[in-house]
Amino acid sequence: MCLGLGFKRLVTLDIMLYGASLMLEFVTLVVLRIKEPGLKRGFRVPGGLTGAILTGVFPLLLLLLAVAESDHETLLGMNGLLFGALIIAAGFLVYLVSGKLNVLRAKPVFPEKVEELETA
C-alpha cells in the first residue's frame, strides 16, 4: 500500500508507527516499576518511578511533533494521521485474527502419546 508514497511520507509513517511501539515499551517500563519494583533486570533506570516516567518524555515529544507534522499531509486521499492510525488498528486486527487461527489449528499428536492411549 505504501509503495507509491513519497520519501517524506514514508519517514513520517515510520516515525509514527515506531514511536507508538516505543511508547508501549515505556508504558511497560513504568507498569513494571509499579507492580514489580524488586524484579531482577539486566539494567535499571535510575530515579525510581520518576526516572522511569521521565525516560519516555522526550521520545513522546518527538512522536507528538511527528503527529503534528503528519496532520498537514494527505495519503491516499486521507489525513496522514488517520492513515497511520488505520495501519496501527490493522496491526491489532491481524494480531487478534492470527491468535484465533492459532487456537483453531490442530495440535500435533506425538507417537508416545498414541502408544499410551492404545495401552490404556
PDB file of N, CA and C in Angstrom:
ATOM      1  N   MET A   1       0.814  -1.198   0.000  1.00  0.00           N
ATOM      2  CA  MET A   1       0.000   0.000   0.000  1.00  0.00           C
ATOM      3  C   MET A   1       0.856   1.261   0.000  1.00  0.00           C
ATOM      4  N   CYS A   2       2.040   1.189   0.548  1.00  0.00           N
ATOM      5  CA  CYS A   2       2.853   2.381   0.733  1.00  0.00           C
ATOM      6  C   CYS A   2       3.869   2.604  -0.376  1.00  0.00           C
ATOM      7  N   LEU A   3       3.879   1.775  -1.414  1.00  0.00           N
ATOM      8  CA  LEU A   3       4.898   1.897  -2.453  1.00  0.00           C
ATOM      9  C   LEU A   3       4.826   3.221  -3.203  1.00  0.00           C
ATOM     10  N   GLY A   4       3.654   3.756  -3.410  1.00  0.00           N
ATOM     11  CA  GLY A   4       3.514   4.988  -4.173  1.00  0.00           C
ATOM     12  C   GLY A   4       3.710   6.259  -3.367  1.00  0.00           C
ATOM     13  N   LEU A   5       3.970   6.129  -2.086  1.00  0.00           N
ATOM     14  CA  LEU A   5       4.127   7.314  -1.246  1.00  0.00           C
ATOM     15  C   LEU A   5       5.523   7.889  -1.397  1.00  0.00           C
ATOM     16  N   GLY A   6       5.640   9.173  -1.143  1.00  0.00           N
ATOM     17  CA  GLY A   6       6.947   9.820  -1.206  1.00  0.00           C
ATOM     18  C   GLY A   6       7.793   9.477   0.008  1.00  0.00           C
ATOM     19  N   PHE A   7       9.083   9.818  -0.096  1.00  0.00           N
ATOM     20  CA  PHE A   7      10.023   9.501   0.979  1.00  0.00           C
ATOM     21  C   PHE A   7       9.631  10.190   2.285  1.00  0.00           C
ATOM     22  N   LYS A   8       9.250  11.460   2.201  1.00  0.00           N
ATOM     23  CA  LYS A   8       8.888  12.206   3.413  1.00  0.00           C
ATOM     24  C   LYS A   8       7.687  11.562   4.114  1.00  0.00           C
ATOM     25  N   ARG A   9       6.725  11.133   3.344  1.00  0.00           N
ATOM     26  CA  ARG A   9       5.541  10.490   3.940  1.00  0.00           C
ATOM     27  C   ARG A   9       5.899   9.148   4.565  1.00  0.00           C
ATOM     28  N   LEU A  10       6.756   8.399   3.891  1.00  0.00           N
ATOM     29  CA  LEU A  10       7.179   7.110   4.454  1.00  0.00           C
ATOM     30  C   LEU A  10       7.944   7.299   5.760  1.00  0.00           C
ATOM     31  N   VAL A  11       8.795   8.312   5.808  1.00  0.00           N
ATOM     32  CA  VAL A  11       9.541   8.584   7.038  1.00  0.00           C
ATOM     33  C   VAL A  11       8.586   8.992   8.152  1.00  0.00           C
ATOM     34  N   THR A  12       7.609   9.825   7.832  1.00  0.00           N
ATOM     35  CA  THR A  12       6.633  10.250   8.837  1.00  0.00           C
ATOM     36  C   THR A  12       5.846   9.056   9.367  1.00  0.00           C
ATOM     37  N   LEU A  13       5.410   8.172   8.463  1.00  0.00           N
ATOM     38  CA  LEU A  13       4.688   6.969   8.900  1.00  0.00           C
ATOM     39  C   LEU A  13       5.575   6.072   9.756  1.00  0.00           C
ATOM     40  N   ASP A  14       6.822   5.941   9.361  1.00  0.00           N
ATOM     41  CA  ASP A  14       7.751   5.121  10.130  1.00  0.00           C
ATOM     42  C   ASP A  14       7.927   5.681  11.537  1.00  0.00           C
ATOM     43  N   ILE A  15       8.080   6.986  11.638  1.00  0.00           N
ATOM     44  CA  ILE A  15       8.236   7.606  12.961  1.00  0.00           C
ATOM     45  C   ILE A  15       6.992   7.382  13.799  1.00  0.00           C
ATOM     46  N   MET A  16       5.824   7.528  13.182  1.00  0.00           N
ATOM     47  CA  MET A  16       4.580   7.337  13.943  1.00  0.00           C
ATOM     48  C   MET A  16       4.439   5.901  14.433  1.00  0.00           C
ATOM     49  N   LEU A  17       4.681   4.947  13.549  1.00  0.00           N
ATOM     50  CA  LEU A  17       4.494   3.544  13.932  1.00  0.00           C
ATOM     51  C   LEU A  17       5.559   3.083  14.921  1.00  0.00           C
ATOM     52  N   TYR A  18       6.808   3.432  14.650  1.00  0.00           N
ATOM     53  CA  TYR A  18       7.873   3.049  15.573  1.00  0.00           C
ATOM     54  C   TYR A  18       7.691   3.767  16.911  1.00  0.00           C
ATOM     55  N   GLY A  19       7.294   5.026  16.862  1.00  0.00           N
ATOM     56  CA  GLY A  19       7.071   5.784  18.094  1.00  0.00           C
ATOM     57  C   GLY A  19       5.957   5.187  18.936  1.00  0.00           C
ATOM     58  N   ALA A  20       4.899   4.722  18.280  1.00  0.00           N
ATOM     59  CA  ALA A  20       3.802   4.098  19.030  1.00  0.00           C
ATOM     60  C   ALA A  20       4.278   2.824  19.723  1.00  0.00           C
ATOM     61  N   SER A  21       5.080   2.018  19.023  1.00  0.00           N
ATOM     62  CA  SER A  21       5.584   0.798  19.666  1.00  0.00           C
ATOM     63  C   SER A  21       6.583   1.135  20.773  1.00  0.00           C
ATOM     64  N   LEU A  22       7.365   2.177  20.575  1.00  0.00           N
ATOM     65  CA  LEU A  22       8.307   2.607  21.615  1.00  0.00           C
ATOM     66  C   LEU A  22       7.573   3.104  22.851  1.00  0.00           C
ATOM     67  N   MET A  23       6.471   3.804  22.654  1.00  0.00           N
ATOM     68  CA  MET A  23       5.686   4.283  23.799  1.00  0.00           C
ATOM     69  C   MET A  23       5.115   3.103  24.589  1.00  0.00           C
ATOM     70  N   LEU A  24       4.762   2.026  23.899  1.00  0.00           N
ATOM     71  CA  LEU A  24       4.302   0.822  24.614  1.00  0.00           C
ATOM     72  C   LEU A  24       5.409   0.264  25.502  1.00  0.00           C
ATOM     73  N   GLU A  25       6.641   0.336  25.022  1.00  0.00           N
ATOM     74  CA  GLU A  25       7.765  -0.134  25.835  1.00  0.00           C
ATOM     75  C   GLU A  25       7.958   0.741  27.071  1.00  0.00           C
ATOM     76  N   PHE A  26       7.821   2.050  26.915  1.00  0.00           N
ATOM     77  CA  PHE A  26       7.960   2.934  28.073  1.00  0.00           C
ATOM     78  C   PHE A  26       6.814   2.751  29.065  1.00  0.00           C
ATOM     79  N   VAL A  27       5.613   2.519  28.547  1.00  0.00           N
ATOM     80  CA  VAL A  27       4.485   2.236  29.444  1.00  0.00           C
ATOM     81  C   VAL A  27       4.753   0.950  30.211  1.00  0.00           C
ATOM     82  N   THR A  28       5.298  -0.061  29.529  1.00  0.00           N
ATOM     83  CA  THR A  28       5.645  -1.318  30.187  1.00  0.00           C
ATOM     84  C   THR A  28       6.695  -1.093  31.270  1.00  0.00           C
ATOM     85  N   LEU A  29       7.677  -0.244  30.987  1.00  0.00           N
ATOM     86  CA  LEU A  29       8.702   0.079  31.979  1.00  0.00           C
ATOM     87  C   LEU A  29       8.076   0.670  33.236  1.00  0.00           C
ATOM     88  N   VAL A  30       7.160   1.594  33.061  1.00  0.00           N
ATOM     89  CA  VAL A  30       6.519   2.238  34.215  1.00  0.00           C
ATOM     90  C   VAL A  30       5.639   1.240  34.966  1.00  0.00           C
ATOM     91  N   VAL A  31       4.880   0.430  34.227  1.00  0.00           N
ATOM     92  CA  VAL A  31       3.999  -0.551  34.876  1.00  0.00           C
ATOM     93  C   VAL A  31       4.807  -1.565  35.664  1.00  0.00           C
ATOM     94  N   LEU A  32       5.901  -2.050  35.071  1.00  0.00           N
ATOM     95  CA  LEU A  32       6.751  -2.996  35.805  1.00  0.00           C
ATOM     96  C   LEU A  32       7.397  -2.339  37.020  1.00  0.00           C
ATOM     97  N   ARG A  33       7.749  -1.074  36.903  1.00  0.00           N
ATOM     98  CA  ARG A  33       8.341  -0.370  38.045  1.00  0.00           C
ATOM     99  C   ARG A  33       7.330  -0.267  39.183  1.00  0.00           C
ATOM    100  N   ILE A  34       6.042  -0.153  38.852  1.00  0.00           N
ATOM    101  CA  ILE A  34       4.996  -0.058  39.877  1.00  0.00           C
ATOM    102  C   ILE A  34       4.671  -1.444  40.443  1.00  0.00           C
ATOM    103  N   LYS A  35       4.415  -2.428  39.558  1.00  0.00           N
ATOM    104  CA  LYS A  35       3.957  -3.745  40.003  1.00  0.00           C
ATOM    105  C   LYS A  35       5.072  -4.630  40.538  1.00  0.00           C
ATOM    106  N   GLU A  36       6.261  -4.565  39.947  1.00  0.00           N
ATOM    107  CA  GLU A  36       7.374  -5.432  40.333  1.00  0.00           C
ATOM    108  C   GLU A  36       8.637  -4.602  40.577  1.00  0.00           C
ATOM    109  N   PRO A  37       8.656  -3.784  41.627  1.00  0.00           N
ATOM    110  CA  PRO A  37       9.816  -2.905  41.830  1.00  0.00           C
ATOM    111  C   PRO A  37      11.113  -3.656  42.137  1.00  0.00           C
ATOM    112  N   GLY A  38      11.042  -4.836  42.706  1.00  0.00           N
ATOM    113  CA  GLY A  38      12.243  -5.576  43.065  1.00  0.00           C
ATOM    114  C   GLY A  38      12.664  -6.613  42.042  1.00  0.00           C
ATOM    115  N   LEU A  39      12.000  -6.640  40.882  1.00  0.00           N
ATOM    116  CA  LEU A  39      12.285  -7.633  39.855  1.00  0.00           C
ATOM    117  C   LEU A  39      13.700  -7.462  39.322  1.00  0.00           C
ATOM    118  N   LYS A  40      14.427  -8.586  39.195  1.00  0.00           N
ATOM    119  CA  LYS A  40      15.791  -8.535  38.688  1.00  0.00           C
ATOM    120  C   LYS A  40      15.759  -8.238  37.195  1.00  0.00           C
ATOM    121  N   ARG A  41      16.540  -7.243  36.783  1.00  0.00           N
ATOM    122  CA  ARG A  41      16.573  -6.815  35.395  1.00  0.00           C
ATOM    123  C   ARG A  41      18.007  -6.774  34.904  1.00  0.00           C
ATOM    124  N   GLY A  42      18.179  -6.756  33.596  1.00  0.00           N
ATOM    125  CA  GLY A  42      19.506  -6.646  33.011  1.00  0.00           C
ATOM    126  C   GLY A  42      20.133  -5.297  33.295  1.00  0.00           C
ATOM    127  N   PHE A  43      19.297  -4.277  33.413  1.00  0.00           N
ATOM    128  CA  PHE A  43      19.757  -2.943  33.783  1.00  0.00           C
ATOM    129  C   PHE A  43      18.596  -2.228  34.458  1.00  0.00           C
ATOM    130  N   ARG A  44      18.898  -1.200  35.214  1.00  0.00           N
ATOM    131  CA  ARG A  44      17.861  -0.434  35.899  1.00  0.00           C
ATOM    132  C   ARG A  44      17.965   1.026  35.502  1.00  0.00           C
ATOM    133  N   VAL A  45      16.816   1.636  35.268  1.00  0.00           N
ATOM    134  CA  VAL A  45      16.769   3.071  35.015  1.00  0.00           C
ATOM    135  C   VAL A  45      16.804   3.747  36.377  1.00  0.00           C
ATOM    136  N   PRO A  46      17.795   4.614  36.610  1.00  0.00           N
ATOM    137  CA  PRO A  46      17.880   5.255  37.919  1.00  0.00           C
ATOM    138  C   PRO A  46      16.752   6.265  38.129  1.00  0.00           C
ATOM    139  N   GLY A  47      16.460   6.557  39.365  1.00  0.00           N
ATOM    140  CA  GLY A  47      15.465   7.577  39.679  1.00  0.00           C
ATOM    141  C   GLY A  47      14.113   7.046  40.082  1.00  0.00           C
ATOM    142  N   GLY A  48      13.992   5.746  40.223  1.00  0.00           N
ATOM    143  CA  GLY A  48      12.713   5.179  40.647  1.00  0.00           C
ATOM    144  C   GLY A  48      11.624   5.392  39.602  1.00  0.00           C
ATOM    145  N   LEU A  49      10.408   5.583  40.081  1.00  0.00           N
ATOM    146  CA  LEU A  49       9.262   5.769  39.197  1.00  0.00           C
ATOM    147  C   LEU A  49       9.390   7.063  38.398  1.00  0.00           C
ATOM    148  N   THR A  50       9.890   8.110  39.028  1.00  0.00           N
ATOM    149  CA  THR A  50      10.068   9.397  38.332  1.00  0.00           C
ATOM    150  C   THR A  50      11.051   9.236  37.176  1.00  0.00           C
ATOM    151  N   GLY A  51      12.155   8.550  37.407  1.00  0.00           N
ATOM    152  CA  GLY A  51      13.131   8.318  36.346  1.00  0.00           C
ATOM    153  C   GLY A  51      12.551   7.510  35.202  1.00  0.00           C
ATOM    154  N   ALA A  52      11.722   6.514  35.536  1.00  0.00           N
ATOM    155  CA  ALA A  52      11.103   5.688  34.502  1.00  0.00           C
ATOM    156  C   ALA A  52      10.141   6.510  33.645  1.00  0.00           C
ATOM    157  N   ILE A  53       9.399   7.393  34.285  1.00  0.00           N
ATOM    158  CA  ILE A  53       8.466   8.241  33.543  1.00  0.00           C
ATOM    159  C   ILE A  53       9.218   9.256  32.690  1.00  0.00           C
ATOM    160  N   LEU A  54      10.241   9.884  33.252  1.00  0.00           N
ATOM    161  CA  LEU A  54      10.994  10.903  32.516  1.00  0.00           C
ATOM    162  C   LEU A  54      11.759  10.320  31.338  1.00  0.00           C
ATOM    163  N   THR A  55      12.077   9.033  31.390  1.00  0.00           N
ATOM    164  CA  THR A  55      12.777   8.388  30.283  1.00  0.00           C
ATOM    165  C   THR A  55      11.945   8.428  29.001  1.00  0.00           C
ATOM    166  N   GLY A  56      10.642   8.376  29.131  1.00  0.00           N
ATOM    167  CA  GLY A  56       9.775   8.364  27.957  1.00  0.00           C
ATOM    168  C   GLY A  56       9.278   9.724  27.512  1.00  0.00           C
ATOM    169  N   VAL A  57       9.614  10.786  28.244  1.00  0.00           N
ATOM    170  CA  VAL A  57       9.065  12.101  27.914  1.00  0.00           C
ATOM    171  C   VAL A  57       9.596  12.629  26.579  1.00  0.00           C
ATOM    172  N   PHE A  58      10.907  12.609  26.361  1.00  0.00           N
ATOM    173  CA  PHE A  58      11.452  13.169  25.127  1.00  0.00           C
ATOM    174  C   PHE A  58      11.061  12.371  23.884  1.00  0.00           C
ATOM    175  N   PRO A  59      11.080  11.035  23.921  1.00  0.00           N
ATOM    176  CA  PRO A  59      10.558  10.308  22.751  1.00  0.00           C
ATOM    177  C   PRO A  59       9.079  10.602  22.496  1.00  0.00           C
ATOM    178  N   LEU A  60       8.302  10.806  23.560  1.00  0.00           N
ATOM    179  CA  LEU A  60       6.889  11.152  23.392  1.00  0.00           C
ATOM    180  C   LEU A  60       6.751  12.517  22.725  1.00  0.00           C
ATOM    181  N   LEU A  61       7.584  13.479  23.120  1.00  0.00           N
ATOM    182  CA  LEU A  61       7.541  14.805  22.495  1.00  0.00           C
ATOM    183  C   LEU A  61       7.890  14.717  21.010  1.00  0.00           C
ATOM    184  N   LEU A  62       8.876  13.898  20.670  1.00  0.00           N
ATOM    185  CA  LEU A  62       9.241  13.713  19.264  1.00  0.00           C
ATOM    186  C   LEU A  62       8.099  13.065  18.486  1.00  0.00           C
ATOM    187  N   LEU A  63       7.444  12.101  19.095  1.00  0.00           N
ATOM    188  CA  LEU A  63       6.310  11.451  18.454  1.00  0.00           C
ATOM    189  C   LEU A  63       5.179  12.451  18.231  1.00  0.00           C
ATOM    190  N   LEU A  64       4.915  13.291  19.218  1.00  0.00           N
ATOM    191  CA  LEU A  64       3.862  14.295  19.073  1.00  0.00           C
ATOM    192  C   LEU A  64       4.203  15.299  17.980  1.00  0.00           C
ATOM    193  N   LEU A  65       5.479  15.642  17.842  1.00  0.00           N
ATOM    194  CA  LEU A  65       5.900  16.530  16.764  1.00  0.00           C
ATOM    195  C   LEU A  65       5.664  15.872  15.408  1.00  0.00           C
ATOM    196  N   ALA A  66       5.985  14.607  15.283  1.00  0.00           N
ATOM    197  CA  ALA A  66       5.744  13.891  14.024  1.00  0.00           C
ATOM    198  C   ALA A  66       4.254  13.810  13.721  1.00  0.00           C
ATOM    199  N   VAL A  67       3.437  13.607  14.749  1.00  0.00           N
ATOM    200  CA  VAL A  67       1.989  13.553  14.557  1.00  0.00           C
ATOM    201  C   VAL A  67       1.473  14.909  14.106  1.00  0.00           C
ATOM    202  N   ALA A  68       1.985  15.990  14.720  1.00  0.00           N
ATOM    203  CA  ALA A  68       1.560  17.328  14.322  1.00  0.00           C
ATOM    204  C   ALA A  68       1.957  17.622  12.877  1.00  0.00           C
ATOM    205  N   GLU A  69       3.144  17.192  12.460  1.00  0.00           N
ATOM    206  CA  GLU A  69       3.586  17.380  11.083  1.00  0.00           C
ATOM    207  C   GLU A  69       2.750  16.557  10.110  1.00  0.00           C
ATOM    208  N   SER A  70       2.371  15.363  10.506  1.00  0.00           N
ATOM    209  CA  SER A  70       1.611  14.497   9.605  1.00  0.00           C
ATOM    210  C   SER A  70       0.187  14.979   9.426  1.00  0.00           C
ATOM    211  N   ASP A  71      -0.250  15.874  10.292  1.00  0.00           N
ATOM    212  CA  ASP A  71      -1.608  16.396  10.193  1.00  0.00           C
ATOM    213  C   ASP A  71      -1.791  17.206   8.913  1.00  0.00           C
ATOM    214  N   HIS A  72      -0.712  17.749   8.375  1.00  0.00           N
ATOM    215  CA  HIS A  72      -0.791  18.577   7.175  1.00  0.00           C
ATOM    216  C   HIS A  72      -0.625  17.768   5.898  1.00  0.00           C
ATOM    217  N   GLU A  73      -0.326  16.493   6.001  1.00  0.00           N
ATOM    218  CA  GLU A  73      -0.107  15.652   4.826  1.00  0.00           C
ATOM    219  C   GLU A  73      -1.347  14.831   4.517  1.00  0.00           C
ATOM    220  N   THR A  74      -1.485  14.495   3.254  1.00  0.00           N
ATOM    221  CA  THR A  74      -2.565  13.592   2.855  1.00  0.00           C
ATOM    222  C   THR A  74      -1.957  12.355   2.204  1.00  0.00           C
ATOM    223  N   LEU A  75      -2.509  11.219   2.537  1.00  0.00           N
ATOM    224  CA  LEU A  75      -2.065   9.935   1.988  1.00  0.00           C
ATOM    225  C   LEU A  75      -3.278   9.199   1.455  1.00  0.00           C
ATOM    226  N   LEU A  76      -3.225   8.856   0.187  1.00  0.00           N
ATOM    227  CA  LEU A  76      -4.333   8.135  -0.448  1.00  0.00           C
ATOM    228  C   LEU A  76      -5.664   8.848  -0.224  1.00  0.00           C
ATOM    229  N   GLY A  77      -5.620  10.171  -0.261  1.00  0.00           N
ATOM    230  CA  GLY A  77      -6.830  10.972  -0.125  1.00  0.00           C
ATOM    231  C   GLY A  77      -7.323  11.162   1.299  1.00  0.00           C
ATOM    232  N   MET A  78      -6.533  10.766   2.290  1.00  0.00           N
ATOM    233  CA  MET A  78      -6.959  10.950   3.685  1.00  0.00           C
ATOM    234  C   MET A  78      -5.833  11.583   4.483  1.00  0.00           C
ATOM    235  N   ASN A  79      -6.175  12.087   5.634  1.00  0.00           N
ATOM    236  CA  ASN A  79      -5.211  12.705   6.534  1.00  0.00           C
ATOM    237  C   ASN A  79      -4.114  11.708   6.891  1.00  0.00           C
ATOM    238  N   GLY A  80      -2.855  12.163   6.960  1.00  0.00           N
ATOM    239  CA  GLY A  80      -1.731  11.292   7.280  1.00  0.00           C
ATOM    240  C   GLY A  80      -1.860  10.651   8.651  1.00  0.00           C
ATOM    241  N   LEU A  81      -2.388  11.400   9.607  1.00  0.00           N
ATOM    242  CA  LEU A  81      -2.588  10.866  10.954  1.00  0.00           C
ATOM    243  C   LEU A  81      -3.623   9.744  10.948  1.00  0.00           C
ATOM    244  N   LEU A  82      -4.698   9.946  10.202  1.00  0.00           N
ATOM    245  CA  LEU A  82      -5.728   8.908  10.091  1.00  0.00           C
ATOM    246  C   LEU A  82      -5.160   7.656   9.422  1.00  0.00           C
ATOM    247  N   PHE A  83      -4.331   7.844   8.385  1.00  0.00           N
ATOM    248  CA  PHE A  83      -3.717   6.712   7.698  1.00  0.00           C
ATOM    249  C   PHE A  83      -2.831   5.918   8.659  1.00  0.00           C
ATOM    250  N   GLY A  84      -2.025   6.623   9.457  1.00  0.00           N
ATOM    251  CA  GLY A  84      -1.180   5.947  10.445  1.00  0.00           C
ATOM    252  C   GLY A  84      -2.008   5.206  11.481  1.00  0.00           C
ATOM    253  N   ALA A  85      -3.096   5.832  11.924  1.00  0.00           N
ATOM    254  CA  ALA A  85      -3.975   5.181  12.905  1.00  0.00           C
ATOM    255  C   ALA A  85      -4.615   3.930  12.316  1.00  0.00           C
ATOM    256  N   LEU A  86      -4.969   3.972  11.036  1.00  0.00           N
ATOM    257  CA  LEU A  86      -5.552   2.786  10.391  1.00  0.00           C
ATOM    258  C   LEU A  86      -4.542   1.653  10.302  1.00  0.00           C
ATOM    259  N   ILE A  87      -3.276   1.984  10.025  1.00  0.00           N
ATOM    260  CA  ILE A  87      -2.243   0.950   9.968  1.00  0.00           C
ATOM    261  C   ILE A  87      -2.047   0.318  11.346  1.00  0.00           C
ATOM    262  N   ILE A  88      -2.054   1.151  12.393  1.00  0.00           N
ATOM    263  CA  ILE A  88      -1.912   0.630  13.754  1.00  0.00           C
ATOM    264  C   ILE A  88      -3.099  -0.275  14.099  1.00  0.00           C
ATOM    265  N   ALA A  89      -4.311   0.175  13.776  1.00  0.00           N
ATOM    266  CA  ALA A  89      -5.507  -0.637  14.048  1.00  0.00           C
ATOM    267  C   ALA A  89      -5.458  -1.942  13.261  1.00  0.00           C
ATOM    268  N   ALA A  90      -4.968  -1.896  12.024  1.00  0.00           N
ATOM    269  CA  ALA A  90      -4.848  -3.117  11.237  1.00  0.00           C
ATOM    270  C   ALA A  90      -3.867  -4.087  11.879  1.00  0.00           C
ATOM    271  N   GLY A  91      -2.807  -3.562  12.490  1.00  0.00           N
ATOM    272  CA  GLY A  91      -1.855  -4.424  13.191  1.00  0.00           C
ATOM    273  C   GLY A  91      -2.510  -5.167  14.337  1.00  0.00           C
ATOM    274  N   PHE A  92      -3.331  -4.459  15.120  1.00  0.00           N
ATOM    275  CA  PHE A  92      -4.059  -5.106  16.219  1.00  0.00           C
ATOM    276  C   PHE A  92      -5.020  -6.159  15.676  1.00  0.00           C
ATOM    277  N   LEU A  93      -5.693  -5.843  14.577  1.00  0.00           N
ATOM    278  CA  LEU A  93      -6.636  -6.783  13.980  1.00  0.00           C
ATOM    279  C   LEU A  93      -5.929  -8.045  13.496  1.00  0.00           C
ATOM    280  N   VAL A  94      -4.797  -7.874  12.827  1.00  0.00           N
ATOM    281  CA  VAL A  94      -4.026  -9.033  12.356  1.00  0.00           C
ATOM    282  C   VAL A  94      -3.556  -9.871  13.539  1.00  0.00           C
ATOM    283  N   TYR A  95      -3.129  -9.216  14.609  1.00  0.00           N
ATOM    284  CA  TYR A  95      -2.690  -9.936  15.806  1.00  0.00           C
ATOM    285  C   TYR A  95      -3.825 -10.762  16.389  1.00  0.00           C
ATOM    286  N   LEU A  96      -5.015 -10.183  16.508  1.00  0.00           N
ATOM    287  CA  LEU A  96      -6.153 -10.911  17.071  1.00  0.00           C
ATOM    288  C   LEU A  96      -6.572 -12.075  16.179  1.00  0.00           C
ATOM    289  N   VAL A  97      -6.621 -11.835  14.866  1.00  0.00           N
ATOM    290  CA  VAL A  97      -7.025 -12.892  13.939  1.00  0.00           C
ATOM    291  C   VAL A  97      -6.006 -14.020  13.936  1.00  0.00           C
ATOM    292  N   SER A  98      -4.716 -13.680  13.955  1.00  0.00           N
ATOM    293  CA  SER A  98      -3.702 -14.737  13.962  1.00  0.00           C
ATOM    294  C   SER A  98      -3.751 -15.532  15.262  1.00  0.00           C
ATOM    295  N   GLY A  99      -4.101 -14.887  16.362  1.00  0.00           N
ATOM    296  CA  GLY A  99      -4.256 -15.608  17.628  1.00  0.00           C
ATOM    297  C   GLY A  99      -5.424 -16.573  17.573  1.00  0.00           C
ATOM    298  N   LYS A 100      -6.524 -16.153  16.954  1.00  0.00           N
ATOM    299  CA  LYS A 100      -7.687 -17.033  16.818  1.00  0.00           C
ATOM    300  C   LYS A 100      -7.361 -18.199  15.894  1.00  0.00           C
ATOM    301  N   LEU A 101      -6.615 -17.941  14.817  1.00  0.00           N
ATOM    302  CA  LEU A 101      -6.242 -19.023  13.906  1.00  0.00           C
ATOM    303  C   LEU A 101      -5.311 -20.010  14.583  1.00  0.00           C
ATOM    304  N   ASN A 102      -4.454 -19.531  15.459  1.00  0.00           N
ATOM    305  CA  ASN A 102      -3.541 -20.396  16.181  1.00  0.00           C
ATOM    306  C   ASN A 102      -4.310 -21.329  17.108  1.00  0.00           C
ATOM    307  N   VAL A 103      -5.385 -20.834  17.707  1.00  0.00           N
ATOM    308  CA  VAL A 103      -6.209 -21.664  18.589  1.00  0.00           C
ATOM    309  C   VAL A 103      -6.935 -22.720  17.783  1.00  0.00           C
ATOM    310  N   LEU A 104      -7.378 -22.360  16.581  1.00  0.00           N
ATOM    311  CA  LEU A 104      -8.130 -23.295  15.755  1.00  0.00           C
ATOM    312  C   LEU A 104      -7.253 -24.361  15.110  1.00  0.00           C
ATOM    313  N   ARG A 105      -5.950 -24.102  15.024  1.00  0.00           N
ATOM    314  CA  ARG A 105      -5.026 -25.043  14.394  1.00  0.00           C
ATOM    315  C   ARG A 105      -5.003 -26.353  15.195  1.00  0.00           C
ATOM    316  N   ALA A 106      -4.988 -27.467  14.497  1.00  0.00           N
ATOM    317  CA  ALA A 106      -4.961 -28.772  15.160  1.00  0.00           C
ATOM    318  C   ALA A 106      -3.635 -28.955  15.885  1.00  0.00           C
ATOM    319  N   LYS A 107      -3.696 -29.561  17.061  1.00  0.00           N
ATOM    320  CA  LYS A 107      -2.490 -29.817  17.827  1.00  0.00           C
ATOM    321  C   LYS A 107      -1.865 -31.124  17.350  1.00  0.00           C
ATOM    322  N   PRO A 108      -0.537 -31.181  17.259  1.00  0.00           N
ATOM    323  CA  PRO A 108       0.120 -32.399  16.771  1.00  0.00           C
ATOM    324  C   PRO A 108      -0.034 -33.552  17.760  1.00  0.00           C
ATOM    325  N   VAL A 109      -0.082 -34.756  17.213  1.00  0.00           N
ATOM    326  CA  VAL A 109      -0.153 -35.959  18.042  1.00  0.00           C
ATOM    327  C   VAL A 109       1.222 -36.606  18.010  1.00  0.00           C
ATOM    328  N   PHE A 110       1.773 -36.861  19.187  1.00  0.00           N
ATOM    329  CA  PHE A 110       3.098 -37.456  19.294  1.00  0.00           C
ATOM    330  C   PHE A 110       2.966 -38.968  19.425  1.00  0.00           C
ATOM    331  N   PRO A 111       3.880 -39.740  18.824  1.00  0.00           N
ATOM    332  CA  PRO A 111       3.784 -41.212  18.849  1.00  0.00           C
ATOM    333  C   PRO A 111       3.743 -41.785  20.264  1.00  0.00           C
ATOM    334  N   GLU A 112       4.465 -41.163  21.209  1.00  0.00           N
ATOM    335  CA  GLU A 112       4.454 -41.709  22.577  1.00  0.00           C
ATOM    336  C   GLU A 112       3.071 -41.640  23.185  1.00  0.00           C
ATOM    337  N   LYS A 113       2.362 -40.576  22.894  1.00  0.00           N
ATOM    338  CA  LYS A 113       1.016 -40.432  23.463  1.00  0.00           C
ATOM    339  C   LYS A 113       0.031 -41.378  22.810  1.00  0.00           C
ATOM    340  N   VAL A 114       0.223 -41.688  21.532  1.00  0.00           N
ATOM    341  CA  VAL A 114      -0.662 -42.642  20.851  1.00  0.00           C
ATOM    342  C   VAL A 114      -0.484 -44.021  21.476  1.00  0.00           C
ATOM    343  N   GLU A 115       0.765 -44.415  21.758  1.00  0.00           N
ATOM    344  CA  GLU A 115       1.019 -45.704  22.394  1.00  0.00           C
ATOM    345  C   GLU A 115       0.392 -45.755  23.785  1.00  0.00           C
ATOM    346  N   GLU A 116       0.462 -44.652  24.531  1.00  0.00           N
ATOM    347  CA  GLU A 116      -0.140 -44.619  25.867  1.00  0.00           C
ATOM    348  C   GLU A 116      -1.634 -44.768  25.769  1.00  0.00           C
ATOM    349  N   LEU A 117      -2.249 -44.138  24.762  1.00  0.00           N
ATOM    350  CA  LEU A 117      -3.686 -44.245  24.604  1.00  0.00           C
ATOM    351  C   LEU A 117      -4.108 -45.652  24.184  1.00  0.00           C
ATOM    352  N   GLU A 118      -3.294 -46.307  23.353  1.00  0.00           N
ATOM    353  CA  GLU A 118      -3.614 -47.659  22.890  1.00  0.00           C
ATOM    354  C   GLU A 118      -3.498 -48.672  24.010  1.00  0.00           C
ATOM    355  N   THR A 119      -2.542 -48.490  24.948  1.00  0.00           N
ATOM    356  CA  THR A 119      -2.377 -49.458  26.036  1.00  0.00           C
ATOM    357  C   THR A 119      -3.356 -49.210  27.167  1.00  0.00           C
ATOM    358  N   ALA A 120      -3.983 -48.074  27.202  1.00  0.00           N
ATOM    359  CA  ALA A 120      -4.893 -47.773  28.304  1.00  0.00           C
ATOM    360  C   ALA A 120      -6.228 -48.394  28.161  1.00  0.00           C
TER     361      ALA A 120
END
